[in-house]
PDB file of N, CA and C in Angstrom:
ATOM      1  N   MET A   1       9.600  -0.062 -16.584  1.00  0.00           N
ATOM      2  CA  MET A   1       8.774  -0.064 -15.424  1.00  0.00           C
ATOM      3  C   MET A   1       7.570  -0.833 -15.634  1.00  0.00           C
ATOM      4  N   ILE A   2       7.026  -1.615 -14.920  1.00  0.00           N
ATOM      5  CA  ILE A   2       5.831  -2.244 -14.882  1.00  0.00           C
ATOM      6  C   ILE A   2       4.704  -1.950 -13.952  1.00  0.00           C
ATOM      7  N   CYS A   3       3.644  -1.465 -14.473  1.00  0.00           N
ATOM      8  CA  CYS A   3       2.545  -0.920 -13.374  1.00  0.00           C
ATOM      9  C   CYS A   3       2.297  -1.593 -12.147  1.00  0.00           C
ATOM     10  N   ASP A   4       2.239  -3.077 -12.419  1.00  0.00           N
ATOM     11  CA  ASP A   4       1.846  -3.719 -11.310  1.00  0.00           C
ATOM     12  C   ASP A   4       3.002  -3.944 -10.085  1.00  0.00           C
ATOM     13  N   ARG A   5       4.150  -3.463 -10.501  1.00  0.00           N
ATOM     14  CA  ARG A   5       5.258  -3.491  -9.566  1.00  0.00           C
ATOM     15  C   ARG A   5       5.507  -2.044  -8.715  1.00  0.00           C
ATOM     16  N   CYS A   6       4.512  -1.197  -9.168  1.00  0.00           N
ATOM     17  CA  CYS A   6       4.549   0.222  -8.688  1.00  0.00           C
ATOM     18  C   CYS A   6       3.908   0.323  -7.087  1.00  0.00           C
ATOM     19  N   TYR A   7       4.520   1.001  -6.341  1.00  0.00           N
ATOM     20  CA  TYR A   7       3.932   1.181  -5.133  1.00  0.00           C
ATOM     21  C   TYR A   7       2.538   2.025  -5.256  1.00  0.00           C
ATOM     22  N   PHE A   8       2.507   2.777  -6.211  1.00  0.00           N
ATOM     23  CA  PHE A   8       1.200   3.501  -6.236  1.00  0.00           C
ATOM     24  C   PHE A   8       0.022   2.958  -7.250  1.00  0.00           C
ATOM     25  N   ASN A   9       0.246   1.747  -7.698  1.00  0.00           N
ATOM     26  CA  ASN A   9      -0.494   1.184  -8.773  1.00  0.00           C
ATOM     27  C   ASN A   9      -2.157   1.353  -8.324  1.00  0.00           C
ATOM     28  N   THR A  10      -2.487   1.293  -7.233  1.00  0.00           N
ATOM     29  CA  THR A  10      -4.000   1.309  -6.797  1.00  0.00           C
ATOM     30  C   THR A  10      -4.409   2.635  -7.016  1.00  0.00           C
ATOM     31  N   ASN A  11      -3.530   3.629  -6.731  1.00  0.00           N
ATOM     32  CA  ASN A  11      -4.156   4.859  -6.674  1.00  0.00           C
ATOM     33  C   ASN A  11      -3.395   5.873  -7.866  1.00  0.00           C
ATOM     34  N   CYS A  12      -3.076   5.109  -9.098  1.00  0.00           N
ATOM     35  CA  CYS A  12      -2.483   5.523 -10.033  1.00  0.00           C
ATOM     36  C   CYS A  12      -3.205   6.549 -10.920  1.00  0.00           C
ATOM     37  N   GLN A  13      -2.472   7.742 -11.269  1.00  0.00           N
ATOM     38  CA  GLN A  13      -2.921   8.786 -12.127  1.00  0.00           C
ATOM     39  C   GLN A  13      -3.506   8.293 -13.524  1.00  0.00           C
ATOM     40  N   TYR A  14      -2.966   7.231 -13.658  1.00  0.00           N
ATOM     41  CA  TYR A  14      -3.194   6.475 -15.051  1.00  0.00           C
ATOM     42  C   TYR A  14      -4.223   5.596 -14.889  1.00  0.00           C
ATOM     43  N   ILE A  15      -5.478   5.909 -14.379  1.00  0.00           N
ATOM     44  CA  ILE A  15      -6.504   4.896 -14.128  1.00  0.00           C
ATOM     45  C   ILE A  15      -6.939   4.367 -15.229  1.00  0.00           C
ATOM     46  N   GLY A  16      -7.213   2.973 -15.495  1.00  0.00           N
ATOM     47  CA  GLY A  16      -7.783   2.308 -16.687  1.00  0.00           C
ATOM     48  C   GLY A  16      -6.396   1.611 -17.626  1.00  0.00           C
ATOM     49  N   ARG A  17      -5.261   1.965 -17.027  1.00  0.00           N
ATOM     50  CA  ARG A  17      -4.308   1.390 -17.657  1.00  0.00           C
ATOM     51  C   ARG A  17      -4.162  -0.271 -17.349  1.00  0.00           C
ATOM     52  N   ASN A  18      -3.820  -1.017 -18.260  1.00  0.00           N
ATOM     53  CA  ASN A  18      -3.691  -2.614 -17.906  1.00  0.00           C
ATOM     54  C   ASN A  18      -2.384  -2.550 -16.785  1.00  0.00           C
ATOM     55  N   LYS A  19      -2.657  -3.022 -15.894  1.00  0.00           N
ATOM     56  CA  LYS A  19      -1.697  -3.177 -14.686  1.00  0.00           C
ATOM     57  C   LYS A  19      -0.423  -3.976 -14.913  1.00  0.00           C
ATOM     58  N   LYS A  20      -0.494  -4.750 -16.193  1.00  0.00           N
ATOM     59  CA  LYS A  20       0.789  -5.375 -16.508  1.00  0.00           C
ATOM     60  C   LYS A  20       1.445  -4.552 -17.653  1.00  0.00           C
ATOM     61  N   SER A  21       1.088  -3.479 -18.010  1.00  0.00           N
ATOM     62  CA  SER A  21       1.658  -2.389 -18.986  1.00  0.00           C
ATOM     63  C   SER A  21       3.011  -1.995 -18.465  1.00  0.00           C
ATOM     64  N   LYS A  22       3.716  -1.682 -19.731  1.00  0.00           N
ATOM     65  CA  LYS A  22       4.948  -0.972 -19.176  1.00  0.00           C
ATOM     66  C   LYS A  22       4.834   0.353 -19.420  1.00  0.00           C
ATOM     67  N   VAL A  23       5.233   1.247 -18.586  1.00  0.00           N
ATOM     68  CA  VAL A  23       5.089   2.604 -18.720  1.00  0.00           C
ATOM     69  C   VAL A  23       6.573   3.167 -18.759  1.00  0.00           C
ATOM     70  N   SER A  24       6.852   4.030 -19.848  1.00  0.00           N
ATOM     71  CA  SER A  24       8.094   4.660 -19.958  1.00  0.00           C
ATOM     72  C   SER A  24       7.891   6.237 -19.452  1.00  0.00           C
ATOM     73  N   GLY A  25       8.849   6.453 -18.610  1.00  0.00           N
ATOM     74  CA  GLY A  25       8.914   7.902 -18.310  1.00  0.00           C
ATOM     75  C   GLY A  25       7.784   8.256 -17.308  1.00  0.00           C
ATOM     76  N   CYS A  26       7.292   7.383 -16.479  1.00  0.00           N
ATOM     77  CA  CYS A  26       6.350   7.829 -15.541  1.00  0.00           C
ATOM     78  C   CYS A  26       6.914   8.457 -14.254  1.00  0.00           C
ATOM     79  N   SER A  27       6.555   9.697 -14.076  1.00  0.00           N
ATOM     80  CA  SER A  27       7.437  10.368 -12.994  1.00  0.00           C
ATOM     81  C   SER A  27       6.915   9.873 -11.638  1.00  0.00           C
ATOM     82  N   CYS A  28       6.063   9.148 -11.618  1.00  0.00           N
ATOM     83  CA  CYS A  28       5.392   8.843 -10.293  1.00  0.00           C
ATOM     84  C   CYS A  28       5.823   7.318  -9.829  1.00  0.00           C
ATOM     85  N   PHE A  29       6.441   6.641 -10.799  1.00  0.00           N
ATOM     86  CA  PHE A  29       6.784   5.190 -10.542  1.00  0.00           C
ATOM     87  C   PHE A  29       7.738   4.978  -9.362  1.00  0.00           C
ATOM     88  N   LYS A  30       7.288   4.087  -8.430  1.00  0.00           N
ATOM     89  CA  LYS A  30       8.152   3.803  -7.286  1.00  0.00           C
ATOM     90  C   LYS A  30       8.083   2.363  -7.266  1.00  0.00           C
ATOM     91  N   ASP A  31       9.229   1.583  -7.225  1.00  0.00           N
ATOM     92  CA  ASP A  31       9.242   0.110  -7.210  1.00  0.00           C
ATOM     93  C   ASP A  31       8.951  -0.302  -5.793  1.00  0.00           C
ATOM     94  N   ARG A  32       7.800  -1.097  -5.493  1.00  0.00           N
ATOM     95  CA  ARG A  32       7.285  -1.458  -4.348  1.00  0.00           C
ATOM     96  C   ARG A  32       8.371  -2.404  -3.420  1.00  0.00           C
ATOM     97  N   ASP A  33       9.132  -2.883  -4.481  1.00  0.00           N
ATOM     98  CA  ASP A  33      10.068  -3.793  -3.671  1.00  0.00           C
ATOM     99  C   ASP A  33      11.110  -3.029  -2.769  1.00  0.00           C
ATOM    100  N   LEU A  34      11.352  -1.641  -3.092  1.00  0.00           N
ATOM    101  CA  LEU A  34      12.353  -0.846  -2.616  1.00  0.00           C
ATOM    102  C   LEU A  34      11.678  -0.105  -1.311  1.00  0.00           C
ATOM    103  N   VAL A  35      10.312  -0.144  -1.086  1.00  0.00           N
ATOM    104  CA  VAL A  35       9.686   0.516  -0.008  1.00  0.00           C
ATOM    105  C   VAL A  35       9.592  -0.312   1.292  1.00  0.00           C
ATOM    106  N   VAL A  36       9.879   0.403   2.342  1.00  0.00           N
ATOM    107  CA  VAL A  36       9.988  -0.339   3.583  1.00  0.00           C
ATOM    108  C   VAL A  36       8.992   0.422   4.425  1.00  0.00           C
ATOM    109  N   GLU A  37       7.830  -0.537   5.117  1.00  0.00           N
ATOM    110  CA  GLU A  37       7.056   0.028   5.747  1.00  0.00           C
ATOM    111  C   GLU A  37       7.256  -0.184   7.191  1.00  0.00           C
ATOM    112  N   LEU A  38       7.367   0.901   8.158  1.00  0.00           N
ATOM    113  CA  LEU A  38       7.894   0.907   9.482  1.00  0.00           C
ATOM    114  C   LEU A  38       6.588   0.662  10.318  1.00  0.00           C
ATOM    115  N   LYS A  39       6.713  -0.001  11.517  1.00  0.00           N
ATOM    116  CA  LYS A  39       5.652  -0.083  12.517  1.00  0.00           C
ATOM    117  C   LYS A  39       5.589   1.150  13.179  1.00  0.00           C
ATOM    118  N   CYS A  40       6.476   2.046  13.240  1.00  0.00           N
ATOM    119  CA  CYS A  40       6.372   3.270  13.836  1.00  0.00           C
ATOM    120  C   CYS A  40       7.612   4.218  13.423  1.00  0.00           C
ATOM    121  N   LYS A  41       7.693   5.545  13.957  1.00  0.00           N
ATOM    122  CA  LYS A  41       8.592   6.248  13.619  1.00  0.00           C
ATOM    123  C   LYS A  41       9.504   6.862  14.650  1.00  0.00           C
ATOM    124  N   VAL A  42      10.685   7.436  14.481  1.00  0.00           N
ATOM    125  CA  VAL A  42      11.450   8.001  15.583  1.00  0.00           C
ATOM    126  C   VAL A  42      10.610   9.039  16.317  1.00  0.00           C
ATOM    127  N   GLY A  43      10.656   8.922  17.587  1.00  0.00           N
ATOM    128  CA  GLY A  43       9.959   9.849  18.466  1.00  0.00           C
ATOM    129  C   GLY A  43       8.614   9.159  18.935  1.00  0.00           C
ATOM    130  N   ASP A  44       8.210   7.880  18.268  1.00  0.00           N
ATOM    131  CA  ASP A  44       6.993   7.264  18.869  1.00  0.00           C
ATOM    132  C   ASP A  44       7.305   6.797  20.242  1.00  0.00           C
ATOM    133  N   THR A  45       6.059   6.589  20.893  1.00  0.00           N
ATOM    134  CA  THR A  45       6.230   5.504  22.134  1.00  0.00           C
ATOM    135  C   THR A  45       5.939   4.111  21.631  1.00  0.00           C
ATOM    136  N   VAL A  46       6.686   3.060  22.181  1.00  0.00           N
ATOM    137  CA  VAL A  46       6.151   1.640  22.084  1.00  0.00           C
ATOM    138  C   VAL A  46       6.114   1.230  23.381  1.00  0.00           C
ATOM    139  N   TYR A  47       5.293   0.180  23.624  1.00  0.00           N
ATOM    140  CA  TYR A  47       4.929  -0.386  24.830  1.00  0.00           C
ATOM    141  C   TYR A  47       5.380  -1.890  24.905  1.00  0.00           C
ATOM    142  N   ILE A  48       6.158  -2.205  25.871  1.00  0.00           N
ATOM    143  CA  ILE A  48       6.598  -3.681  26.130  1.00  0.00           C
ATOM    144  C   ILE A  48       5.652  -4.357  27.467  1.00  0.00           C
ATOM    145  N   ALA A  49       5.404  -5.450  27.053  1.00  0.00           N
ATOM    146  CA  ALA A  49       4.712  -6.253  27.980  1.00  0.00           C
ATOM    147  C   ALA A  49       5.853  -7.142  28.776  1.00  0.00           C
ATOM    148  N   ASP A  50       5.999  -6.898  29.781  1.00  0.00           N
ATOM    149  CA  ASP A  50       6.973  -7.403  30.586  1.00  0.00           C
ATOM    150  C   ASP A  50       6.342  -8.664  31.437  1.00  0.00           C
ATOM    151  N   GLY A  51       6.437  -9.796  31.098  1.00  0.00           N
ATOM    152  CA  GLY A  51       5.853 -10.948  31.693  1.00  0.00           C
ATOM    153  C   GLY A  51       6.713 -11.400  33.123  1.00  0.00           C
ATOM    154  N   TRP A  52       7.821 -10.713  33.250  1.00  0.00           N
ATOM    155  CA  TRP A  52       8.643 -11.218  34.491  1.00  0.00           C
ATOM    156  C   TRP A  52       8.348 -10.110  35.435  1.00  0.00           C
ATOM    157  N   GLY A  53       8.095  -8.862  35.365  1.00  0.00           N
ATOM    158  CA  GLY A  53       7.977  -7.839  36.073  1.00  0.00           C
ATOM    159  C   GLY A  53       6.365  -7.709  36.428  1.00  0.00           C
ATOM    160  N   LYS A  54       5.672  -8.113  35.510  1.00  0.00           N
ATOM    161  CA  LYS A  54       4.086  -8.243  35.338  1.00  0.00           C
ATOM    162  C   LYS A  54       3.728  -6.751  35.225  1.00  0.00           C
ATOM    163  N   LYS A  55       4.435  -5.926  34.250  1.00  0.00           N
ATOM    164  CA  LYS A  55       3.864  -4.557  34.098  1.00  0.00           C
ATOM    165  C   LYS A  55       4.222  -4.118  32.674  1.00  0.00           C
ATOM    166  N   VAL A  56       3.573  -3.110  32.134  1.00  0.00           N
ATOM    167  CA  VAL A  56       3.913  -2.632  30.794  1.00  0.00           C
ATOM    168  C   VAL A  56       4.900  -1.260  30.998  1.00  0.00           C
ATOM    169  N   HIS A  57       6.026  -1.322  30.055  1.00  0.00           N
ATOM    170  CA  HIS A  57       7.008  -0.212  30.137  1.00  0.00           C
ATOM    171  C   HIS A  57       6.829   0.417  28.826  1.00  0.00           C
ATOM    172  N   ASP A  58       6.960   1.595  28.690  1.00  0.00           N
ATOM    173  CA  ASP A  58       6.917   2.468  27.527  1.00  0.00           C
ATOM    174  C   ASP A  58       8.356   3.096  27.166  1.00  0.00           C
ATOM    175  N   PHE A  59       8.494   3.044  26.022  1.00  0.00           N
ATOM    176  CA  PHE A  59       9.924   3.420  25.542  1.00  0.00           C
ATOM    177  C   PHE A  59       9.676   4.268  24.345  1.00  0.00           C
ATOM    178  N   LEU A  60      10.542   5.346  24.272  1.00  0.00           N
ATOM    179  CA  LEU A  60      10.658   6.201  23.201  1.00  0.00           C
ATOM    180  C   LEU A  60      11.528   5.598  22.209  1.00  0.00           C
ATOM    181  N   VAL A  61      11.196   5.623  20.859  1.00  0.00           N
ATOM    182  CA  VAL A  61      12.052   5.091  19.703  1.00  0.00           C
ATOM    183  C   VAL A  61      12.985   6.171  19.552  1.00  0.00           C
ATOM    184  N   ASN A  62      14.295   6.087  19.492  1.00  0.00           N
ATOM    185  CA  ASN A  62      15.228   7.016  19.370  1.00  0.00           C
ATOM    186  C   ASN A  62      15.970   6.907  18.064  1.00  0.00           C
ATOM    187  N   LYS A  63      15.769   5.367  17.469  1.00  0.00           N
ATOM    188  CA  LYS A  63      16.572   5.293  16.288  1.00  0.00           C
ATOM    189  C   LYS A  63      16.078   4.127  15.516  1.00  0.00           C
ATOM    190  N   ILE A  64      16.062   3.954  14.263  1.00  0.00           N
ATOM    191  CA  ILE A  64      15.545   2.860  13.638  1.00  0.00           C
ATOM    192  C   ILE A  64      16.708   2.576  12.596  1.00  0.00           C
ATOM    193  N   GLY A  65      16.925   1.099  12.616  1.00  0.00           N
ATOM    194  CA  GLY A  65      18.002   0.562  11.805  1.00  0.00           C
ATOM    195  C   GLY A  65      17.494  -0.335  10.555  1.00  0.00           C
ATOM    196  N   VAL A  66      17.654  -0.107   9.318  1.00  0.00           N
ATOM    197  CA  VAL A  66      17.293  -1.108   8.334  1.00  0.00           C
ATOM    198  C   VAL A  66      18.669  -1.613   7.769  1.00  0.00           C
ATOM    199  N   PHE A  67      18.540  -3.058   7.734  1.00  0.00           N
ATOM    200  CA  PHE A  67      19.874  -3.692   7.388  1.00  0.00           C
ATOM    201  C   PHE A  67      19.583  -4.388   6.169  1.00  0.00           C
ATOM    202  N   ASP A  68      20.680  -4.616   5.413  1.00  0.00           N
ATOM    203  CA  ASP A  68      20.841  -5.205   4.010  1.00  0.00           C
ATOM    204  C   ASP A  68      19.991  -6.676   4.027  1.00  0.00           C
ATOM    205  N   ASP A  69      20.125  -7.290   5.127  1.00  0.00           N
ATOM    206  CA  ASP A  69      19.351  -8.675   5.153  1.00  0.00           C
ATOM    207  C   ASP A  69      17.812  -8.482   5.292  1.00  0.00           C
ATOM    208  N   GLY A  70      17.354  -7.157   5.341  1.00  0.00           N
ATOM    209  CA  GLY A  70      15.744  -7.012   5.555  1.00  0.00           C
ATOM    210  C   GLY A  70      15.396  -6.907   6.907  1.00  0.00           C
ATOM    211  N   ARG A  71      16.303  -6.869   8.015  1.00  0.00           N
ATOM    212  CA  ARG A  71      15.820  -6.772   9.428  1.00  0.00           C
ATOM    213  C   ARG A  71      15.706  -5.330   9.741  1.00  0.00           C
ATOM    214  N   ILE A  72      14.712  -4.997  10.429  1.00  0.00           N
ATOM    215  CA  ILE A  72      14.477  -3.576  10.931  1.00  0.00           C
ATOM    216  C   ILE A  72      14.359  -3.491  12.324  1.00  0.00           C
ATOM    217  N   LEU A  73      15.499  -2.964  13.064  1.00  0.00           N
ATOM    218  CA  LEU A  73      15.514  -2.915  14.430  1.00  0.00           C
ATOM    219  C   LEU A  73      14.924  -1.482  14.671  1.00  0.00           C
ATOM    220  N   TYR A  74      14.163  -1.400  16.030  1.00  0.00           N
ATOM    221  CA  TYR A  74      13.831  -0.269  16.490  1.00  0.00           C
ATOM    222  C   TYR A  74      14.533  -0.172  17.951  1.00  0.00           C
ATOM    223  N   TYR A  75      15.352   1.061  18.051  1.00  0.00           N
ATOM    224  CA  TYR A  75      15.994   1.226  19.342  1.00  0.00           C
ATOM    225  C   TYR A  75      15.322   2.201  20.210  1.00  0.00           C
ATOM    226  N   GLN A  76      15.306   1.782  21.389  1.00  0.00           N
ATOM    227  CA  GLN A  76      14.386   2.471  22.469  1.00  0.00           C
ATOM    228  C   GLN A  76      15.228   3.072  23.553  1.00  0.00           C
ATOM    229  N   GLY A  77      14.758   3.979  24.049  1.00  0.00           N
ATOM    230  CA  GLY A  77      15.177   4.742  25.320  1.00  0.00           C
ATOM    231  C   GLY A  77      16.603   5.165  25.099  1.00  0.00           C
ATOM    232  N   ASP A  78      17.351   5.333  26.350  1.00  0.00           N
ATOM    233  CA  ASP A  78      18.518   5.887  26.481  1.00  0.00           C
ATOM    234  C   ASP A  78      19.662   4.787  26.154  1.00  0.00           C
ATOM    235  N   PHE A  79      19.333   3.316  25.979  1.00  0.00           N
ATOM    236  CA  PHE A  79      20.239   2.404  25.768  1.00  0.00           C
ATOM    237  C   PHE A  79      19.976   1.685  24.479  1.00  0.00           C
ATOM    238  N   GLU A  80      20.906   1.031  24.017  1.00  0.00           N
ATOM    239  CA  GLU A  80      20.903   0.305  22.554  1.00  0.00           C
ATOM    240  C   GLU A  80      20.233  -0.880  22.717  1.00  0.00           C
ATOM    241  N   GLN A  81      19.026  -1.183  23.144  1.00  0.00           N
ATOM    242  CA  GLN A  81      18.508  -2.502  23.243  1.00  0.00           C
ATOM    243  C   GLN A  81      17.278  -2.434  21.977  1.00  0.00           C
ATOM    244  N   PRO A  82      17.616  -3.153  21.173  1.00  0.00           N
ATOM    245  CA  PRO A  82      16.531  -3.204  19.798  1.00  0.00           C
ATOM    246  C   PRO A  82      15.506  -3.996  20.094  1.00  0.00           C
ATOM    247  N   ILE A  83      14.463  -3.471  19.454  1.00  0.00           N
ATOM    248  CA  ILE A  83      13.198  -4.311  19.339  1.00  0.00           C
ATOM    249  C   ILE A  83      13.370  -5.062  18.027  1.00  0.00           C
ATOM    250  N   THR A  84      13.445  -6.260  18.009  1.00  0.00           N
ATOM    251  CA  THR A  84      13.445  -7.113  16.796  1.00  0.00           C
ATOM    252  C   THR A  84      12.091  -7.452  16.303  1.00  0.00           C
ATOM    253  N   PRO A  85      12.134  -7.815  14.808  1.00  0.00           N
ATOM    254  CA  PRO A  85      10.874  -8.096  14.102  1.00  0.00           C
ATOM    255  C   PRO A  85      10.083  -9.140  14.990  1.00  0.00           C
ATOM    256  N   ASP A  86      10.672 -10.024  15.605  1.00  0.00           N
ATOM    257  CA  ASP A  86       9.952 -11.166  16.090  1.00  0.00           C
ATOM    258  C   ASP A  86       9.206 -10.884  17.283  1.00  0.00           C
ATOM    259  N   LEU A  87       9.592  -9.515  17.857  1.00  0.00           N
ATOM    260  CA  LEU A  87       8.904  -9.336  19.246  1.00  0.00           C
ATOM    261  C   LEU A  87       7.529  -8.440  19.044  1.00  0.00           C
ATOM    262  N   TRP A  88       7.291  -7.863  17.717  1.00  0.00           N
ATOM    263  CA  TRP A  88       6.082  -7.335  17.468  1.00  0.00           C
ATOM    264  C   TRP A  88       4.692  -8.286  17.618  1.00  0.00           C
ATOM    265  N   GLY A  89       3.767  -7.722  18.433  1.00  0.00           N
ATOM    266  CA  GLY A  89       2.691  -8.487  18.769  1.00  0.00           C
ATOM    267  C   GLY A  89       2.825  -9.501  19.847  1.00  0.00           C
ATOM    268  N   LYS A  90       4.012  -9.746  20.215  1.00  0.00           N
ATOM    269  CA  LYS A  90       4.377 -10.806  21.250  1.00  0.00           C
ATOM    270  C   LYS A  90       4.803 -10.095  22.551  1.00  0.00           C
ATOM    271  N   THR A  91       5.691  -8.963  22.666  1.00  0.00           N
ATOM    272  CA  THR A  91       6.152  -8.394  23.732  1.00  0.00           C
ATOM    273  C   THR A  91       6.124  -6.876  23.437  1.00  0.00           C
ATOM    274  N   ALA A  92       6.249  -6.670  22.023  1.00  0.00           N
ATOM    275  CA  ALA A  92       6.414  -5.088  21.748  1.00  0.00           C
ATOM    276  C   ALA A  92       5.022  -4.682  21.064  1.00  0.00           C
ATOM    277  N   PHE A  93       4.470  -3.380  21.331  1.00  0.00           N
ATOM    278  CA  PHE A  93       3.285  -3.292  20.948  1.00  0.00           C
ATOM    279  C   PHE A  93       3.107  -1.637  20.312  1.00  0.00           C
ATOM    280  N   ILE A  94       2.384  -1.258  19.688  1.00  0.00           N
ATOM    281  CA  ILE A  94       2.395   0.173  19.160  1.00  0.00           C
ATOM    282  C   ILE A  94       1.424   0.963  20.181  1.00  0.00           C
ATOM    283  N   THR A  95       0.338   0.186  20.708  1.00  0.00           N
ATOM    284  CA  THR A  95      -0.617   0.945  21.674  1.00  0.00           C
ATOM    285  C   THR A  95      -0.235   0.233  23.150  1.00  0.00           C
ATOM    286  N   LYS A  96      -0.643   0.916  24.248  1.00  0.00           N
ATOM    287  CA  LYS A  96      -0.473   0.513  25.469  1.00  0.00           C
ATOM    288  C   LYS A  96      -1.716  -0.600  25.632  1.00  0.00           C
ATOM    289  N   GLU A  97      -2.745  -0.399  25.133  1.00  0.00           N
ATOM    290  CA  GLU A  97      -3.932  -1.474  25.163  1.00  0.00           C
ATOM    291  C   GLU A  97      -3.358  -2.727  24.844  1.00  0.00           C
ATOM    292  N   GLY A  98      -2.529  -2.786  23.672  1.00  0.00           N
ATOM    293  CA  GLY A  98      -2.216  -4.220  22.986  1.00  0.00           C
ATOM    294  C   GLY A  98      -1.219  -4.773  24.209  1.00  0.00           C
ATOM    295  N   ALA A  99      -0.310  -4.040  24.716  1.00  0.00           N
ATOM    296  CA  ALA A  99       0.432  -4.667  25.639  1.00  0.00           C
ATOM    297  C   ALA A  99      -0.331  -4.813  26.889  1.00  0.00           C
ATOM    298  N   LEU A 100      -1.134  -4.192  27.395  1.00  0.00           N
ATOM    299  CA  LEU A 100      -2.026  -4.687  28.570  1.00  0.00           C
ATOM    300  C   LEU A 100      -2.770  -5.871  28.311  1.00  0.00           C
ATOM    301  N   ARG A 101      -3.277  -6.095  27.102  1.00  0.00           N
ATOM    302  CA  ARG A 101      -4.062  -7.212  26.713  1.00  0.00           C
ATOM    303  C   ARG A 101      -3.181  -8.653  26.577  1.00  0.00           C
ATOM    304  N   LYS A 102      -1.896  -8.293  26.303  1.00  0.00           N
ATOM    305  CA  LYS A 102      -0.904  -9.430  26.206  1.00  0.00           C
ATOM    306  C   LYS A 102      -0.422  -9.686  27.581  1.00  0.00           C
ATOM    307  N   LEU A 103      -0.188  -8.828  28.423  1.00  0.00           N
ATOM    308  CA  LEU A 103       0.222  -9.024  29.733  1.00  0.00           C
ATOM    309  C   LEU A 103      -0.902  -9.688  30.496  1.00  0.00           C
ATOM    310  N   ASP A 104      -2.363  -9.351  30.439  1.00  0.00           N
ATOM    311  CA  ASP A 104      -3.544 -10.208  30.848  1.00  0.00           C
ATOM    312  C   ASP A 104      -3.403 -11.578  30.277  1.00  0.00           C
ATOM    313  N   GLU A 105      -3.033 -11.673  29.147  1.00  0.00           N
ATOM    314  CA  GLU A 105      -2.950 -13.103  28.640  1.00  0.00           C
ATOM    315  C   GLU A 105      -1.835 -13.964  29.238  1.00  0.00           C
ATOM    316  N   ILE A 106      -0.605 -13.096  29.489  1.00  0.00           N
ATOM    317  CA  ILE A 106       0.631 -13.936  30.195  1.00  0.00           C
ATOM    318  C   ILE A 106       0.075 -14.409  31.671  1.00  0.00           C
ATOM    319  N   ARG A 107      -0.824 -13.269  32.181  1.00  0.00           N
ATOM    320  CA  ARG A 107      -1.139 -13.600  33.641  1.00  0.00           C
ATOM    321  C   ARG A 107      -2.334 -14.807  33.639  1.00  0.00           C
ATOM    322  N   GLY A 108      -2.769 -15.124  32.593  1.00  0.00           N
ATOM    323  CA  GLY A 108      -3.934 -16.188  32.485  1.00  0.00           C
ATOM    324  C   GLY A 108      -5.321 -15.474  32.602  1.00  0.00           C
ATOM    325  N   GLY A 109      -5.403 -14.131  32.131  1.00  0.00           N
ATOM    326  CA  GLY A 109      -6.683 -13.520  32.085  1.00  0.00           C
ATOM    327  C   GLY A 109      -7.024 -12.996  33.656  1.00  0.00           C
ATOM    328  N   ALA A 110      -6.111 -13.121  34.787  1.00  0.00           N
ATOM    329  CA  ALA A 110      -6.361 -12.581  35.930  1.00  0.00           C
ATOM    330  C   ALA A 110      -5.947 -11.081  36.165  1.00  0.00           C
ATOM    331  N   LEU A 111      -6.617 -10.116  36.214  1.00  0.00           N
ATOM    332  CA  LEU A 111      -6.112  -8.736  36.227  1.00  0.00           C
ATOM    333  C   LEU A 111      -6.033  -8.372  37.842  1.00  0.00           C
TER     334      LEU A 111
END
């Protein structure tokens, strides 16, 4: 285990260690390459800016899929339509305000 590869290295209980040092038997070590940070969790609401319908839709995330190739898909509502990674910040948002700002941008700033 090498400290600078640890997910907890900035808040490590072994403060003062050389971050390149090897630690044997550290019970807190977690390889940061194995940690996946999600945009949201199951049960959260996400907001979709619909440029065609010119409105914001809200969806409940009911499933999250993490795939071997690194893709993370968020499934919404009662149907299996995934939110793919390329949609975050473009049409899919964590906040309604973000989706409304995008919709305003799509409309050309005219609310």
